[in-house]
Amino acid sequence: MQRVSPKTADQYEHLFAQFNIGEDCPVFDGIYDYCAISTGASLSGVARLNHGLSDIAINWSGGLHHAKKREASGFCYVNDIVIGILELLKYHPRVLYVDIDIHHGDGVQVA
């Protein structure tokens, strides 16, 4: 993902179908940074929760609930929610996940 951009997309086009990259989840400049920042913000909130520094964490740039383990979906490339929940479960026996989006979070369900 770090090497893919609109300029280099033709070099990786043979992998697009495998990872559901295309019309619904296009390649764009900064795709890697977008994913890293969004997921990093969720993990930052999780770290604060896990270490008792916060009672609530909200990542307004996150919530990419359609991405699957090996497949982008619904403009979601990395499922920051699932990654965050897995980290929370290392410290807490249960995690409450509330999805207020109008669309079903199928990536979270599959995980």
PDB file of N, CA and C in Angstrom:
ATOM      1  N   MET A   1       0.828  -1.181   0.000  1.00  0.00           N
ATOM      2  CA  MET A   1       0.000   0.000   0.000  1.00  0.00           C
ATOM      3  C   MET A   1       0.875   1.248   0.000  1.00  0.00           C
ATOM      4  N   GLN A   2       2.027   1.167   0.635  1.00  0.00           N
ATOM      5  CA  GLN A   2       2.899   2.327   0.726  1.00  0.00           C
ATOM      6  C   GLN A   2       3.379   2.787  -0.651  1.00  0.00           C
ATOM      7  N   ARG A   3       3.501   1.867  -1.590  1.00  0.00           N
ATOM      8  CA  ARG A   3       4.049   2.197  -2.904  1.00  0.00           C
ATOM      9  C   ARG A   3       2.993   2.529  -3.942  1.00  0.00           C
ATOM     10  N   VAL A   4       1.731   2.338  -3.623  1.00  0.00           N
ATOM     11  CA  VAL A   4       0.674   2.535  -4.617  1.00  0.00           C
ATOM     12  C   VAL A   4       0.212   3.986  -4.637  1.00  0.00           C
ATOM     13  N   SER A   5       0.120   4.528  -5.816  1.00  0.00           N
ATOM     14  CA  SER A   5      -0.422   5.871  -6.037  1.00  0.00           C
ATOM     15  C   SER A   5      -1.050   5.860  -7.426  1.00  0.00           C
ATOM     16  N   PRO A   6      -1.797   6.888  -7.773  1.00  0.00           N
ATOM     17  CA  PRO A   6      -2.350   6.914  -9.131  1.00  0.00           C
ATOM     18  C   PRO A   6      -1.270   6.788 -10.213  1.00  0.00           C
ATOM     19  N   LYS A   7      -0.071   7.317  -9.934  1.00  0.00           N
ATOM     20  CA  LYS A   7       1.016   7.261 -10.918  1.00  0.00           C
ATOM     21  C   LYS A   7       1.586   5.854 -11.069  1.00  0.00           C
ATOM     22  N   THR A   8       1.567   5.067  -9.995  1.00  0.00           N
ATOM     23  CA  THR A   8       2.146   3.721 -10.035  1.00  0.00           C
ATOM     24  C   THR A   8       1.091   2.619 -10.082  1.00  0.00           C
ATOM     25  N   ALA A   9      -0.170   2.989 -10.134  1.00  0.00           N
ATOM     26  CA  ALA A   9      -1.267   2.013 -10.053  1.00  0.00           C
ATOM     27  C   ALA A   9      -1.168   0.922 -11.112  1.00  0.00           C
ATOM     28  N   ASP A  10      -0.717   1.281 -12.317  1.00  0.00           N
ATOM     29  CA  ASP A  10      -0.655   0.273 -13.380  1.00  0.00           C
ATOM     30  C   ASP A  10       0.302  -0.866 -13.046  1.00  0.00           C
ATOM     31  N   GLN A  11       1.308  -0.620 -12.209  1.00  0.00           N
ATOM     32  CA  GLN A  11       2.253  -1.662 -11.799  1.00  0.00           C
ATOM     33  C   GLN A  11       1.610  -2.689 -10.862  1.00  0.00           C
ATOM     34  N   TYR A  12       0.555  -2.289 -10.179  1.00  0.00           N
ATOM     35  CA  TYR A  12      -0.083  -3.149  -9.178  1.00  0.00           C
ATOM     36  C   TYR A  12      -1.496  -3.572  -9.572  1.00  0.00           C
ATOM     37  N   GLU A  13      -1.898  -3.201 -10.768  1.00  0.00           N
ATOM     38  CA  GLU A  13      -3.276  -3.453 -11.201  1.00  0.00           C
ATOM     39  C   GLU A  13      -3.660  -4.931 -11.129  1.00  0.00           C
ATOM     40  N   HIS A  14      -2.701  -5.815 -11.313  1.00  0.00           N
ATOM     41  CA  HIS A  14      -2.989  -7.250 -11.257  1.00  0.00           C
ATOM     42  C   HIS A  14      -3.422  -7.706  -9.859  1.00  0.00           C
ATOM     43  N   LEU A  15      -3.170  -6.900  -8.838  1.00  0.00           N
ATOM     44  CA  LEU A  15      -3.560  -7.232  -7.461  1.00  0.00           C
ATOM     45  C   LEU A  15      -4.874  -6.582  -7.040  1.00  0.00           C
ATOM     46  N   PHE A  16      -5.374  -5.655  -7.818  1.00  0.00           N
ATOM     47  CA  PHE A  16      -6.548  -4.883  -7.409  1.00  0.00           C
ATOM     48  C   PHE A  16      -7.766  -5.758  -7.133  1.00  0.00           C
ATOM     49  N   ALA A  17      -8.072  -6.676  -8.006  1.00  0.00           N
ATOM     50  CA  ALA A  17      -9.256  -7.522  -7.808  1.00  0.00           C
ATOM     51  C   ALA A  17      -9.124  -8.364  -6.541  1.00  0.00           C
ATOM     52  N   GLN A  18      -7.915  -8.838  -6.267  1.00  0.00           N
ATOM     53  CA  GLN A  18      -7.669  -9.671  -5.084  1.00  0.00           C
ATOM     54  C   GLN A  18      -8.007  -8.926  -3.792  1.00  0.00           C
ATOM     55  N   PHE A  19      -7.750  -7.625  -3.759  1.00  0.00           N
ATOM     56  CA  PHE A  19      -7.972  -6.833  -2.554  1.00  0.00           C
ATOM     57  C   PHE A  19      -9.141  -5.858  -2.680  1.00  0.00           C
ATOM     58  N   ASN A  20      -9.949  -6.020  -3.720  1.00  0.00           N
ATOM     59  CA  ASN A  20     -11.143  -5.207  -3.967  1.00  0.00           C
ATOM     60  C   ASN A  20     -10.830  -3.718  -4.138  1.00  0.00           C
ATOM     61  N   ILE A  21      -9.756  -3.434  -4.829  1.00  0.00           N
ATOM     62  CA  ILE A  21      -9.396  -2.050  -5.137  1.00  0.00           C
ATOM     63  C   ILE A  21      -9.989  -1.721  -6.505  1.00  0.00           C
ATOM     64  N   GLY A  22     -10.694  -0.610  -6.590  1.00  0.00           N
ATOM     65  CA  GLY A  22     -11.330  -0.239  -7.854  1.00  0.00           C
ATOM     66  C   GLY A  22     -12.264   0.926  -7.663  1.00  0.00           C
ATOM     67  N   GLU A  23     -13.445   0.841  -8.236  1.00  0.00           N
ATOM     68  CA  GLU A  23     -14.398   1.955  -8.188  1.00  0.00           C
ATOM     69  C   GLU A  23     -14.831   2.290  -6.765  1.00  0.00           C
ATOM     70  N   ASP A  24     -15.154   1.281  -5.986  1.00  0.00           N
ATOM     71  CA  ASP A  24     -15.626   1.487  -4.615  1.00  0.00           C
ATOM     72  C   ASP A  24     -14.495   1.906  -3.678  1.00  0.00           C
ATOM     73  N   CYS A  25     -13.307   1.435  -3.950  1.00  0.00           N
ATOM     74  CA  CYS A  25     -12.122   1.726  -3.134  1.00  0.00           C
ATOM     75  C   CYS A  25     -10.970   2.072  -4.069  1.00  0.00           C
ATOM     76  N   PRO A  26     -10.942   3.292  -4.579  1.00  0.00           N
ATOM     77  CA  PRO A  26      -9.936   3.660  -5.570  1.00  0.00           C
ATOM     78  C   PRO A  26      -8.566   3.939  -4.948  1.00  0.00           C
ATOM     79  N   VAL A  27      -7.561   3.880  -5.794  1.00  0.00           N
ATOM     80  CA  VAL A  27      -6.223   4.316  -5.407  1.00  0.00           C
ATOM     81  C   VAL A  27      -6.207   5.837  -5.490  1.00  0.00           C
ATOM     82  N   PHE A  28      -5.627   6.487  -4.495  1.00  0.00           N
ATOM     83  CA  PHE A  28      -5.505   7.947  -4.519  1.00  0.00           C
ATOM     84  C   PHE A  28      -4.190   8.345  -3.872  1.00  0.00           C
ATOM     85  N   ASP A  29      -3.713   9.537  -4.190  1.00  0.00           N
ATOM     86  CA  ASP A  29      -2.480  10.033  -3.577  1.00  0.00           C
ATOM     87  C   ASP A  29      -2.656  10.107  -2.071  1.00  0.00           C
ATOM     88  N   GLY A  30      -1.708   9.550  -1.339  1.00  0.00           N
ATOM     89  CA  GLY A  30      -1.751   9.598   0.115  1.00  0.00           C
ATOM     90  C   GLY A  30      -2.551   8.476   0.752  1.00  0.00           C
ATOM     91  N   ILE A  31      -2.871   7.431   0.004  1.00  0.00           N
ATOM     92  CA  ILE A  31      -3.696   6.340   0.535  1.00  0.00           C
ATOM     93  C   ILE A  31      -3.056   5.700   1.774  1.00  0.00           C
ATOM     94  N   TYR A  32      -1.746   5.494   1.737  1.00  0.00           N
ATOM     95  CA  TYR A  32      -1.066   4.876   2.881  1.00  0.00           C
ATOM     96  C   TYR A  32      -1.133   5.795   4.100  1.00  0.00           C
ATOM     97  N   ASP A  33      -0.842   7.066   3.909  1.00  0.00           N
ATOM     98  CA  ASP A  33      -0.898   8.020   5.022  1.00  0.00           C
ATOM     99  C   ASP A  33      -2.308   8.125   5.589  1.00  0.00           C
ATOM    100  N   TYR A  34      -3.295   8.129   4.722  1.00  0.00           N
ATOM    101  CA  TYR A  34      -4.696   8.167   5.154  1.00  0.00           C
ATOM    102  C   TYR A  34      -4.989   6.998   6.093  1.00  0.00           C
ATOM    103  N   CYS A  35      -4.581   5.806   5.693  1.00  0.00           N
ATOM    104  CA  CYS A  35      -4.825   4.613   6.520  1.00  0.00           C
ATOM    105  C   CYS A  35      -4.018   4.653   7.810  1.00  0.00           C
ATOM    106  N   ALA A  36      -2.764   5.068   7.718  1.00  0.00           N
ATOM    107  CA  ALA A  36      -1.902   5.112   8.901  1.00  0.00           C
ATOM    108  C   ALA A  36      -2.400   6.137   9.919  1.00  0.00           C
ATOM    109  N   ILE A  37      -2.812   7.292   9.458  1.00  0.00           N
ATOM    110  CA  ILE A  37      -3.291   8.339  10.369  1.00  0.00           C
ATOM    111  C   ILE A  37      -4.603   7.930  11.021  1.00  0.00           C
ATOM    112  N   SER A  38      -5.513   7.406  10.241  1.00  0.00           N
ATOM    113  CA  SER A  38      -6.812   6.995  10.780  1.00  0.00           C
ATOM    114  C   SER A  38      -6.659   5.868  11.799  1.00  0.00           C
ATOM    115  N   THR A  39      -5.921   4.836  11.436  1.00  0.00           N
ATOM    116  CA  THR A  39      -5.723   3.708  12.344  1.00  0.00           C
ATOM    117  C   THR A  39      -4.873   4.122  13.537  1.00  0.00           C
ATOM    118  N   GLY A  40      -3.878   4.942  13.308  1.00  0.00           N
ATOM    119  CA  GLY A  40      -3.032   5.422  14.404  1.00  0.00           C
ATOM    120  C   GLY A  40      -3.815   6.228  15.420  1.00  0.00           C
ATOM    121  N   ALA A  41      -4.766   7.022  14.957  1.00  0.00           N
ATOM    122  CA  ALA A  41      -5.602   7.798  15.878  1.00  0.00           C
ATOM    123  C   ALA A  41      -6.457   6.873  16.737  1.00  0.00           C
ATOM    124  N   SER A  42      -6.996   5.825  16.133  1.00  0.00           N
ATOM    125  CA  SER A  42      -7.784   4.855  16.910  1.00  0.00           C
ATOM    126  C   SER A  42      -6.903   4.149  17.929  1.00  0.00           C
ATOM    127  N   LEU A  43      -5.705   3.757  17.518  1.00  0.00           N
ATOM    128  CA  LEU A  43      -4.795   3.076  18.444  1.00  0.00           C
ATOM    129  C   LEU A  43      -4.321   4.003  19.557  1.00  0.00           C
ATOM    130  N   SER A  44      -4.210   5.277  19.271  1.00  0.00           N
ATOM    131  CA  SER A  44      -3.860   6.243  20.312  1.00  0.00           C
ATOM    132  C   SER A  44      -4.965   6.314  21.361  1.00  0.00           C
ATOM    133  N   GLY A  45      -6.206   6.348  20.908  1.00  0.00           N
ATOM    134  CA  GLY A  45      -7.337   6.330  21.837  1.00  0.00           C
ATOM    135  C   GLY A  45      -7.384   5.052  22.645  1.00  0.00           C
ATOM    136  N   VAL A  46      -7.124   3.930  21.997  1.00  0.00           N
ATOM    137  CA  VAL A  46      -7.104   2.632  22.677  1.00  0.00           C
ATOM    138  C   VAL A  46      -6.023   2.608  23.755  1.00  0.00           C
ATOM    139  N   ALA A  47      -4.848   3.119  23.443  1.00  0.00           N
ATOM    140  CA  ALA A  47      -3.758   3.144  24.425  1.00  0.00           C
ATOM    141  C   ALA A  47      -4.155   3.965  25.647  1.00  0.00           C
ATOM    142  N   ARG A  48      -4.823   5.083  25.428  1.00  0.00           N
ATOM    143  CA  ARG A  48      -5.278   5.909  26.556  1.00  0.00           C
ATOM    144  C   ARG A  48      -6.311   5.157  27.396  1.00  0.00           C
ATOM    145  N   LEU A  49      -7.211   4.438  26.743  1.00  0.00           N
ATOM    146  CA  LEU A  49      -8.205   3.641  27.472  1.00  0.00           C
ATOM    147  C   LEU A  49      -7.528   2.506  28.244  1.00  0.00           C
ATOM    148  N   ASN A  50      -6.623   1.816  27.592  1.00  0.00           N
ATOM    149  CA  ASN A  50      -5.958   0.674  28.221  1.00  0.00           C
ATOM    150  C   ASN A  50      -5.105   1.067  29.419  1.00  0.00           C
ATOM    151  N   HIS A  51      -4.602   2.276  29.435  1.00  0.00           N
ATOM    152  CA  HIS A  51      -3.746   2.722  30.537  1.00  0.00           C
ATOM    153  C   HIS A  51      -4.467   3.646  31.519  1.00  0.00           C
ATOM    154  N   GLY A  52      -5.784   3.689  31.424  1.00  0.00           N
ATOM    155  CA  GLY A  52      -6.581   4.452  32.378  1.00  0.00           C
ATOM    156  C   GLY A  52      -6.465   5.957  32.254  1.00  0.00           C
ATOM    157  N   LEU A  53      -6.035   6.449  31.115  1.00  0.00           N
ATOM    158  CA  LEU A  53      -5.875   7.888  30.920  1.00  0.00           C
ATOM    159  C   LEU A  53      -7.137   8.546  30.377  1.00  0.00           C
ATOM    160  N   SER A  54      -8.073   7.736  29.893  1.00  0.00           N
ATOM    161  CA  SER A  54      -9.354   8.230  29.376  1.00  0.00           C
ATOM    162  C   SER A  54     -10.441   7.210  29.677  1.00  0.00           C
ATOM    163  N   ASP A  55     -11.650   7.704  29.799  1.00  0.00           N
ATOM    164  CA  ASP A  55     -12.801   6.820  29.974  1.00  0.00           C
ATOM    165  C   ASP A  55     -13.523   6.582  28.653  1.00  0.00           C
ATOM    166  N   ILE A  56     -13.365   7.509  27.726  1.00  0.00           N
ATOM    167  CA  ILE A  56     -14.031   7.442  26.422  1.00  0.00           C
ATOM    168  C   ILE A  56     -13.018   7.859  25.359  1.00  0.00           C
ATOM    169  N   ALA A  57     -13.083   7.214  24.213  1.00  0.00           N
ATOM    170  CA  ALA A  57     -12.229   7.603  23.090  1.00  0.00           C
ATOM    171  C   ALA A  57     -13.075   7.647  21.823  1.00  0.00           C
ATOM    172  N   ILE A  58     -12.943   8.726  21.076  1.00  0.00           N
ATOM    173  CA  ILE A  58     -13.654   8.882  19.808  1.00  0.00           C
ATOM    174  C   ILE A  58     -12.642   9.297  18.750  1.00  0.00           C
ATOM    175  N   ASN A  59     -12.656   8.618  17.636  1.00  0.00           N
ATOM    176  CA  ASN A  59     -11.818   8.983  16.502  1.00  0.00           C
ATOM    177  C   ASN A  59     -12.749   9.371  15.360  1.00  0.00           C
ATOM    178  N   TRP A  60     -12.938  10.659  15.149  1.00  0.00           N
ATOM    179  CA  TRP A  60     -13.861  11.124  14.114  1.00  0.00           C
ATOM    180  C   TRP A  60     -13.367  10.789  12.713  1.00  0.00           C
ATOM    181  N   SER A  61     -12.085  10.514  12.553  1.00  0.00           N
ATOM    182  CA  SER A  61     -11.573  10.134  11.229  1.00  0.00           C
ATOM    183  C   SER A  61     -11.571   8.620  11.037  1.00  0.00           C
ATOM    184  N   GLY A  62     -11.960   7.884  12.057  1.00  0.00           N
ATOM    185  CA  GLY A  62     -11.957   6.419  11.983  1.00  0.00           C
ATOM    186  C   GLY A  62     -13.338   5.860  11.717  1.00  0.00           C
ATOM    187  N   GLY A  63     -13.531   4.655  12.180  1.00  0.00           N
ATOM    188  CA  GLY A  63     -14.816   3.994  11.986  1.00  0.00           C
ATOM    189  C   GLY A  63     -14.946   3.336  10.629  1.00  0.00           C
ATOM    190  N   LEU A  64     -13.838   2.874  10.110  1.00  0.00           N
ATOM    191  CA  LEU A  64     -13.823   2.293   8.765  1.00  0.00           C
ATOM    192  C   LEU A  64     -14.262   0.828   8.832  1.00  0.00           C
ATOM    193  N   HIS A  65     -15.549   0.656   9.067  1.00  0.00           N
ATOM    194  CA  HIS A  65     -16.127  -0.626   9.458  1.00  0.00           C
ATOM    195  C   HIS A  65     -16.433  -1.599   8.324  1.00  0.00           C
ATOM    196  N   HIS A  66     -16.149  -1.236   7.097  1.00  0.00           N
ATOM    197  CA  HIS A  66     -16.430  -2.150   5.981  1.00  0.00           C
ATOM    198  C   HIS A  66     -15.213  -2.986   5.576  1.00  0.00           C
ATOM    199  N   ALA A  67     -14.014  -2.535   5.904  1.00  0.00           N
ATOM    200  CA  ALA A  67     -12.808  -3.262   5.488  1.00  0.00           C
ATOM    201  C   ALA A  67     -12.758  -4.638   6.136  1.00  0.00           C
ATOM    202  N   LYS A  68     -12.321  -5.603   5.352  1.00  0.00           N
ATOM    203  CA  LYS A  68     -12.141  -6.967   5.838  1.00  0.00           C
ATOM    204  C   LYS A  68     -10.643  -7.226   5.994  1.00  0.00           C
ATOM    205  N   LYS A  69     -10.305  -8.386   6.504  1.00  0.00           N
ATOM    206  CA  LYS A  69      -8.902  -8.709   6.763  1.00  0.00           C
ATOM    207  C   LYS A  69      -8.040  -8.574   5.509  1.00  0.00           C
ATOM    208  N   ARG A  70      -8.541  -9.012   4.380  1.00  0.00           N
ATOM    209  CA  ARG A  70      -7.767  -8.974   3.142  1.00  0.00           C
ATOM    210  C   ARG A  70      -8.526  -8.299   1.996  1.00  0.00           C
ATOM    211  N   GLU A  71      -9.429  -7.400   2.341  1.00  0.00           N
ATOM    212  CA  GLU A  71     -10.258  -6.803   1.289  1.00  0.00           C
ATOM    213  C   GLU A  71     -10.758  -5.425   1.693  1.00  0.00           C
ATOM    214  N   ALA A  72     -10.517  -4.455   0.828  1.00  0.00           N
ATOM    215  CA  ALA A  72     -11.084  -3.124   1.028  1.00  0.00           C
ATOM    216  C   ALA A  72     -12.559  -3.170   0.644  1.00  0.00           C
ATOM    217  N   SER A  73     -13.343  -2.276   1.236  1.00  0.00           N
ATOM    218  CA  SER A  73     -14.771  -2.234   0.912  1.00  0.00           C
ATOM    219  C   SER A  73     -15.353  -0.911   1.396  1.00  0.00           C
ATOM    220  N   GLY A  74     -16.252  -0.345   0.616  1.00  0.00           N
ATOM    221  CA  GLY A  74     -16.951   0.863   1.035  1.00  0.00           C
ATOM    222  C   GLY A  74     -16.047   2.023   1.415  1.00  0.00           C
ATOM    223  N   PHE A  75     -14.996   2.243   0.647  1.00  0.00           N
ATOM    224  CA  PHE A  75     -13.979   3.262   0.897  1.00  0.00           C
ATOM    225  C   PHE A  75     -13.274   3.050   2.241  1.00  0.00           C
ATOM    226  N   CYS A  76     -13.274   1.829   2.727  1.00  0.00           N
ATOM    227  CA  CYS A  76     -12.558   1.453   3.951  1.00  0.00           C
ATOM    228  C   CYS A  76     -11.435   0.504   3.552  1.00  0.00           C
ATOM    229  N   TYR A  77     -10.196   0.900   3.819  1.00  0.00           N
ATOM    230  CA  TYR A  77      -9.034   0.115   3.414  1.00  0.00           C
ATOM    231  C   TYR A  77      -8.462  -0.692   4.576  1.00  0.00           C
ATOM    232  N   VAL A  78      -8.531  -0.143   5.777  1.00  0.00           N
ATOM    233  CA  VAL A  78      -8.048  -0.794   6.997  1.00  0.00           C
ATOM    234  C   VAL A  78      -9.140  -0.631   8.044  1.00  0.00           C
ATOM    235  N   ASN A  79      -9.507  -1.710   8.710  1.00  0.00           N
ATOM    236  CA  ASN A  79     -10.583  -1.650   9.700  1.00  0.00           C
ATOM    237  C   ASN A  79     -10.001  -1.276  11.062  1.00  0.00           C
ATOM    238  N   ASP A  80      -9.911   0.019  11.308  1.00  0.00           N
ATOM    239  CA  ASP A  80      -9.339   0.511  12.561  1.00  0.00           C
ATOM    240  C   ASP A  80     -10.148   0.066  13.775  1.00  0.00           C
ATOM    241  N   ILE A  81     -11.423  -0.172  13.586  1.00  0.00           N
ATOM    242  CA  ILE A  81     -12.284  -0.598  14.693  1.00  0.00           C
ATOM    243  C   ILE A  81     -11.863  -1.975  15.188  1.00  0.00           C
ATOM    244  N   VAL A  82     -11.717  -2.910  14.275  1.00  0.00           N
ATOM    245  CA  VAL A  82     -11.326  -4.266  14.665  1.00  0.00           C
ATOM    246  C   VAL A  82      -9.935  -4.263  15.292  1.00  0.00           C
ATOM    247  N   ILE A  83      -9.015  -3.523  14.709  1.00  0.00           N
ATOM    248  CA  ILE A  83      -7.666  -3.444  15.271  1.00  0.00           C
ATOM    249  C   ILE A  83      -7.731  -2.880  16.690  1.00  0.00           C
ATOM    250  N   GLY A  84      -8.531  -1.845  16.886  1.00  0.00           N
ATOM    251  CA  GLY A  84      -8.691  -1.260  18.217  1.00  0.00           C
ATOM    252  C   GLY A  84      -9.330  -2.217  19.206  1.00  0.00           C
ATOM    253  N   ILE A  85     -10.368  -2.917  18.783  1.00  0.00           N
ATOM    254  CA  ILE A  85     -11.040  -3.875  19.669  1.00  0.00           C
ATOM    255  C   ILE A  85     -10.076  -4.980  20.086  1.00  0.00           C
ATOM    256  N   LEU A  86      -9.285  -5.481  19.153  1.00  0.00           N
ATOM    257  CA  LEU A  86      -8.317  -6.529  19.491  1.00  0.00           C
ATOM    258  C   LEU A  86      -7.317  -6.043  20.535  1.00  0.00           C
ATOM    259  N   GLU A  87      -6.898  -4.792  20.433  1.00  0.00           N
ATOM    260  CA  GLU A  87      -5.981  -4.230  21.437  1.00  0.00           C
ATOM    261  C   GLU A  87      -6.682  -4.035  22.780  1.00  0.00           C
ATOM    262  N   LEU A  88      -7.924  -3.583  22.748  1.00  0.00           N
ATOM    263  CA  LEU A  88      -8.685  -3.408  23.993  1.00  0.00           C
ATOM    264  C   LEU A  88      -8.876  -4.733  24.718  1.00  0.00           C
ATOM    265  N   LEU A  89      -9.089  -5.801  23.971  1.00  0.00           N
ATOM    266  CA  LEU A  89      -9.313  -7.117  24.583  1.00  0.00           C
ATOM    267  C   LEU A  89      -8.069  -7.668  25.281  1.00  0.00           C
ATOM    268  N   LYS A  90      -6.921  -7.095  25.023  1.00  0.00           N
ATOM    269  CA  LYS A  90      -5.704  -7.493  25.741  1.00  0.00           C
ATOM    270  C   LYS A  90      -5.726  -7.009  27.188  1.00  0.00           C
ATOM    271  N   TYR A  91      -6.541  -5.976  27.467  1.00  0.00           N
ATOM    272  CA  TYR A  91      -6.604  -5.377  28.798  1.00  0.00           C
ATOM    273  C   TYR A  91      -7.971  -5.533  29.460  1.00  0.00           C
ATOM    274  N   HIS A  92      -8.994  -5.732  28.666  1.00  0.00           N
ATOM    275  CA  HIS A  92     -10.363  -5.744  29.179  1.00  0.00           C
ATOM    276  C   HIS A  92     -11.079  -7.023  28.738  1.00  0.00           C
ATOM    277  N   PRO A  93     -11.874  -7.629  29.630  1.00  0.00           N
ATOM    278  CA  PRO A  93     -12.551  -8.883  29.272  1.00  0.00           C
ATOM    279  C   PRO A  93     -13.667  -8.702  28.240  1.00  0.00           C
ATOM    280  N   ARG A  94     -14.259  -7.512  28.191  1.00  0.00           N
ATOM    281  CA  ARG A  94     -15.349  -7.236  27.245  1.00  0.00           C
ATOM    282  C   ARG A  94     -15.185  -5.838  26.671  1.00  0.00           C
ATOM    283  N   VAL A  95     -15.663  -5.677  25.459  1.00  0.00           N
ATOM    284  CA  VAL A  95     -15.616  -4.376  24.785  1.00  0.00           C
ATOM    285  C   VAL A  95     -16.995  -4.108  24.192  1.00  0.00           C
ATOM    286  N   LEU A  96     -17.532  -2.923  24.430  1.00  0.00           N
ATOM    287  CA  LEU A  96     -18.798  -2.515  23.828  1.00  0.00           C
ATOM    288  C   LEU A  96     -18.485  -1.683  22.586  1.00  0.00           C
ATOM    289  N   TYR A  97     -18.995  -2.126  21.456  1.00  0.00           N
ATOM    290  CA  TYR A  97     -18.815  -1.432  20.185  1.00  0.00           C
ATOM    291  C   TYR A  97     -20.181  -0.921  19.744  1.00  0.00           C
ATOM    292  N   VAL A  98     -20.314   0.388  19.578  1.00  0.00           N
ATOM    293  CA  VAL A  98     -21.568   0.996  19.143  1.00  0.00           C
ATOM    294  C   VAL A  98     -21.313   1.650  17.788  1.00  0.00           C
ATOM    295  N   ASP A  99     -22.042   1.215  16.788  1.00  0.00           N
ATOM    296  CA  ASP A  99     -21.894   1.744  15.436  1.00  0.00           C
ATOM    297  C   ASP A  99     -23.111   2.610  15.130  1.00  0.00           C
ATOM    298  N   ILE A 100     -22.894   3.907  14.935  1.00  0.00           N
ATOM    299  CA  ILE A 100     -24.006   4.826  14.682  1.00  0.00           C
ATOM    300  C   ILE A 100     -24.153   5.169  13.198  1.00  0.00           C
ATOM    301  N   ASP A 101     -23.380   4.505  12.358  1.00  0.00           N
ATOM    302  CA  ASP A 101     -23.485   4.714  10.913  1.00  0.00           C
ATOM    303  C   ASP A 101     -24.770   4.069  10.398  1.00  0.00           C
ATOM    304  N   ILE A 102     -25.321   4.634   9.354  1.00  0.00           N
ATOM    305  CA  ILE A 102     -26.546   4.081   8.772  1.00  0.00           C
ATOM    306  C   ILE A 102     -26.290   2.741   8.082  1.00  0.00           C
ATOM    307  N   HIS A 103     -25.051   2.498   7.660  1.00  0.00           N
ATOM    308  CA  HIS A 103     -24.701   1.249   6.986  1.00  0.00           C
ATOM    309  C   HIS A 103     -24.202   0.222   7.994  1.00  0.00           C
ATOM    310  N   HIS A 104     -24.519  -1.039   7.747  1.00  0.00           N
ATOM    311  CA  HIS A 104     -24.079  -2.144   8.594  1.00  0.00           C
ATOM    312  C   HIS A 104     -22.560  -2.288   8.538  1.00  0.00           C
ATOM    313  N   GLY A 105     -21.912  -2.436   9.678  1.00  0.00           N
ATOM    314  CA  GLY A 105     -20.463  -2.622   9.762  1.00  0.00           C
ATOM    315  C   GLY A 105     -20.078  -4.064   9.485  1.00  0.00           C
ATOM    316  N   ASP A 106     -20.179  -4.465   8.228  1.00  0.00           N
ATOM    317  CA  ASP A 106     -19.949  -5.862   7.866  1.00  0.00           C
ATOM    318  C   ASP A 106     -18.528  -6.334   8.127  1.00  0.00           C
ATOM    319  N   GLY A 107     -17.547  -5.449   8.016  1.00  0.00           N
ATOM    320  CA  GLY A 107     -16.164  -5.838   8.292  1.00  0.00           C
ATOM    321  C   GLY A 107     -15.948  -6.182   9.750  1.00  0.00           C
ATOM    322  N   VAL A 108     -16.600  -5.459  10.635  1.00  0.00           N
ATOM    323  CA  VAL A 108     -16.507  -5.752  12.070  1.00  0.00           C
ATOM    324  C   VAL A 108     -17.199  -7.079  12.352  1.00  0.00           C
ATOM    325  N   GLN A 109     -18.348  -7.287  11.760  1.00  0.00           N
ATOM    326  CA  GLN A 109     -19.081  -8.538  11.975  1.00  0.00           C
ATOM    327  C   GLN A 109     -18.265  -9.747  11.511  1.00  0.00           C
ATOM    328  N   VAL A 110     -17.658  -9.660  10.347  1.00  0.00           N
ATOM    329  CA  VAL A 110     -16.880 -10.773   9.803  1.00  0.00           C
ATOM    330  C   VAL A 110     -15.686 -11.092  10.695  1.00  0.00           C
ATOM    331  N   ALA A 111     -15.090 -10.060  11.271  1.00  0.00           N
ATOM    332  CA  ALA A 111     -13.912 -10.270  12.129  1.00  0.00           C
ATOM    333  C   ALA A 111     -14.309 -11.020  13.377  1.00  0.00           C
TER     334      ALA A 111
END
